[in-house]
Amino acid sequence: MLNDKSGSLLLEECTTLKKYHYSLIQDIESQIEYVEQLIDEIKEANVLSEETSLNYAFLNFYKKRCERILAAYFYSRFLLTNDQNLDLLSENEREKWTIVNEAEMTYFESFPDIDFKMSDDPPDQIYVHIVCLKDCGLIYDDEDLMEMVTGRIYFVKKKSVEHLIKEDSVEILNDL
């Protein structure tokens, strides 16, 4: 018997981190297994009718919906986790969170000058707003080729225009 109540309850828990809900997870996983059995029965029956096609489509949709609910639940729990609430995770979740957190810290240590947790904006020391004081010709910035024209404002990597800054051909705009 298909039951949508467990999925709805699990989705409601995605907004705040609560204790791992074993019974709801097991209920949804058992529904997925049950639906897979029904899908296999339809395939083995080898009867092509409008009714079996609709049943197959409905069951397949329902199975994917249950899988998406589980994925959303685990993903939201991962995003809401920090060092203070690890006790709310299952043992498996705690292990995965620790591995990912350690990998993230190792990655961030490779870039000590950049504060990744500060904001989503690019760091000022890497990208700058500049105004072109005189025609400077073409500048290659990674994959972009830009023509630097007098009076125009650009947002570029600082390393791409450092030579123009030293020549006073462009000026960095701080307050944009």
Protein backbone atom coordinates (compact mmCIF):
# COMPACT_ATOMS: atom_id res chain seq x y z
CA MET A 1 0.00 0.00 0.00
CA LEU A 2 1.39 3.38 -0.99
CA ASN A 3 1.42 6.03 1.72
CA ASP A 4 2.38 9.65 1.16
CA LYS A 5 2.21 10.66 4.83
CA SER A 6 5.81 9.67 5.60
CA GLY A 7 7.15 11.72 2.70
CA SER A 8 5.20 14.80 3.75
CA LEU A 9 6.37 14.48 7.36
CA LEU A 10 9.97 14.06 6.25
CA LEU A 11 9.79 17.14 4.02
CA GLU A 12 8.47 19.18 6.96
CA GLU A 13 11.62 18.26 8.87
CA CYS A 14 13.86 19.79 6.19
CA THR A 15 13.64 23.30 7.66
CA THR A 16 15.27 22.56 11.01
CA LEU A 17 17.73 19.93 12.14
CA LYS A 18 16.07 17.38 14.39
CA LYS A 19 17.05 13.94 15.59
CA TYR A 20 17.46 11.44 12.73
CA HIS A 21 14.04 9.96 11.96
CA TYR A 22 14.72 6.24 11.45
CA SER A 23 11.09 5.14 11.18
CA LEU A 24 10.14 7.64 8.45
CA ILE A 25 13.30 6.84 6.48
CA GLN A 26 12.65 3.10 6.74
CA ASP A 27 9.02 3.60 5.73
CA ILE A 28 9.99 5.52 2.58
CA GLU A 29 12.75 3.02 1.73
CA SER A 30 10.29 0.14 2.10
CA GLN A 31 7.82 1.99 -0.16
CA ILE A 32 10.55 2.34 -2.78
CA GLU A 33 11.25 -1.41 -2.59
CA TYR A 34 7.52 -2.19 -2.83
CA VAL A 35 7.11 0.07 -5.87
CA GLU A 36 10.15 -1.54 -7.52
CA GLN A 37 8.52 -4.95 -7.05
CA LEU A 38 5.29 -3.68 -8.64
CA ILE A 39 7.25 -2.21 -11.56
CA ASP A 40 9.06 -5.54 -12.04
CA GLU A 41 5.72 -7.37 -12.05
CA ILE A 42 4.42 -5.05 -14.77
CA LYS A 43 7.57 -5.64 -16.83
CA GLU A 44 7.37 -9.43 -16.41
CA ALA A 45 3.66 -9.54 -17.29
CA ASN A 46 4.62 -8.22 -20.71
CA VAL A 47 1.11 -6.86 -21.32
CA LEU A 48 0.92 -3.63 -23.25
CA SER A 49 -2.27 -1.78 -22.52
CA GLU A 50 -3.18 1.75 -21.64
CA GLU A 51 -3.85 0.71 -18.04
CA THR A 52 -0.47 -0.99 -17.54
CA SER A 53 1.31 1.94 -19.19
CA LEU A 54 -0.42 4.39 -16.85
CA ASN A 55 0.31 2.19 -13.83
CA TYR A 56 3.95 1.90 -14.84
CA ALA A 57 4.25 5.67 -15.33
CA PHE A 58 2.54 6.41 -12.01
CA LEU A 59 4.67 3.92 -10.07
CA ASN A 60 7.87 5.18 -11.68
CA PHE A 61 6.91 8.78 -10.86
CA TYR A 62 6.09 7.83 -7.26
CA LYS A 63 9.39 5.96 -6.84
CA LYS A 64 11.39 8.92 -8.13
CA ARG A 65 9.41 11.24 -5.87
CA CYS A 66 10.30 9.14 -2.83
CA GLU A 67 13.96 9.14 -3.86
CA ARG A 68 13.88 12.94 -4.25
CA ILE A 69 12.31 13.32 -0.80
CA LEU A 70 15.10 11.25 0.75
CA ALA A 71 17.73 13.24 -1.14
CA ALA A 72 16.20 16.55 -0.03
CA TYR A 73 16.02 15.35 3.58
CA PHE A 74 19.66 14.25 3.70
CA TYR A 75 20.88 17.33 1.83
CA SER A 76 19.02 19.74 4.12
CA ARG A 77 20.38 17.93 7.17
CA PHE A 78 23.90 18.24 5.78
CA LEU A 79 23.49 21.99 5.20
CA LEU A 80 22.10 22.57 8.70
CA THR A 81 24.89 20.62 10.43
CA ASN A 82 27.72 22.23 12.38
CA ASP A 83 30.07 21.17 15.18
CA GLN A 84 27.47 21.92 17.87
CA ASN A 85 24.67 19.67 16.57
CA LEU A 86 26.51 16.53 15.44
CA ASP A 87 24.62 14.52 18.06
CA LEU A 88 21.43 14.90 15.98
CA LEU A 89 22.97 12.98 13.06
CA SER A 90 22.98 9.26 12.49
CA GLU A 91 26.36 7.53 12.70
CA ASN A 92 26.57 7.28 8.90
CA GLU A 93 25.71 10.98 8.46
CA ARG A 94 28.25 11.97 11.11
CA GLU A 95 31.02 10.05 9.34
CA LYS A 96 30.18 11.60 5.96
CA TRP A 97 29.94 15.10 7.46
CA THR A 98 33.33 14.69 9.14
CA ILE A 99 34.97 13.49 5.91
CA VAL A 100 33.52 16.35 3.85
CA ASN A 101 34.35 18.92 6.53
CA GLU A 102 37.97 17.71 6.70
CA ALA A 103 38.27 17.81 2.90
CA GLU A 104 36.83 21.32 2.86
CA MET A 105 39.29 22.51 5.52
CA THR A 106 42.22 20.95 3.64
CA TYR A 107 41.11 22.75 0.47
CA PHE A 108 40.69 26.10 2.25
CA GLU A 109 44.16 25.79 3.81
CA SER A 110 45.57 25.88 0.26
CA PHE A 111 44.34 29.50 -0.02
CA PRO A 112 45.26 31.22 3.26
CA ASP A 113 44.76 34.74 1.88
CA ILE A 114 41.12 34.18 0.95
CA ASP A 115 38.31 34.12 3.51
CA PHE A 116 35.77 31.77 1.92
CA LYS A 117 33.23 32.15 4.71
CA MET A 118 33.03 35.95 4.53
CA SER A 119 30.64 36.35 1.58
CA ASP A 120 29.76 35.13 -1.88
CA ASP A 121 31.33 38.20 -3.47
CA PRO A 122 34.71 37.83 -5.15
CA PRO A 123 37.59 39.06 -2.96
CA ASP A 124 38.76 42.62 -3.63
CA GLN A 125 42.37 41.55 -3.97
CA ILE A 126 41.53 39.34 -6.96
CA TYR A 127 38.91 41.34 -8.92
CA VAL A 128 38.78 45.14 -9.23
CA HIS A 129 36.59 47.78 -10.82
CA ILE A 130 38.69 50.04 -13.00
CA VAL A 131 38.09 53.04 -15.21
CA CYS A 132 40.20 53.34 -18.31
CA LEU A 133 41.98 56.74 -18.42
CA LYS A 134 43.36 56.28 -21.94
CA ASP A 135 43.00 53.77 -24.75
CA CYS A 136 45.03 50.71 -23.81
CA GLY A 137 44.27 48.33 -26.65
CA LEU A 138 43.30 44.70 -26.14
CA ILE A 139 43.66 42.91 -22.80
CA TYR A 140 43.42 39.14 -22.44
CA ASP A 141 41.68 38.11 -19.20
CA ASP A 142 41.51 34.29 -18.94
CA GLU A 143 39.14 33.43 -21.79
CA ASP A 144 37.94 36.98 -22.49
CA LEU A 145 39.50 39.48 -24.85
CA MET A 146 38.59 43.06 -23.92
CA GLU A 147 39.26 46.29 -25.70
CA MET A 148 40.19 48.90 -23.09
CA VAL A 149 38.58 52.17 -24.24
CA THR A 150 38.93 55.56 -22.54
CA GLY A 151 36.15 56.36 -20.05
CA ARG A 152 34.73 52.86 -19.75
CA ILE A 153 34.45 50.92 -16.49
CA TYR A 154 35.53 47.28 -16.28
CA PHE A 155 35.44 44.53 -13.65
CA VAL A 156 38.55 42.43 -14.23
CA LYS A 157 41.15 40.34 -12.49
CA LYS A 158 43.70 42.63 -10.94
CA LYS A 159 46.60 40.56 -12.28
CA SER A 160 45.37 41.17 -15.84
CA VAL A 161 45.71 44.95 -15.54
CA GLU A 162 48.52 45.42 -13.00
CA HIS A 163 50.85 46.76 -15.69
CA LEU A 164 48.21 49.34 -16.69
CA ILE A 165 47.72 50.38 -13.06
CA LYS A 166 51.48 50.98 -12.71
CA GLU A 167 51.47 53.06 -15.93
CA ASP A 168 48.49 55.13 -14.65
CA SER A 169 46.52 54.10 -17.74
CA VAL A 170 43.66 52.82 -15.55
CA GLU A 171 42.43 53.75 -12.09
CA ILE A 172 40.92 51.43 -9.50
CA LEU A 173 37.45 52.48 -8.36
CA ASN A 174 36.93 51.61 -4.70
CA ASP A 175 33.38 52.81 -4.04
CA LEU A 176 31.06 51.18 -6.55
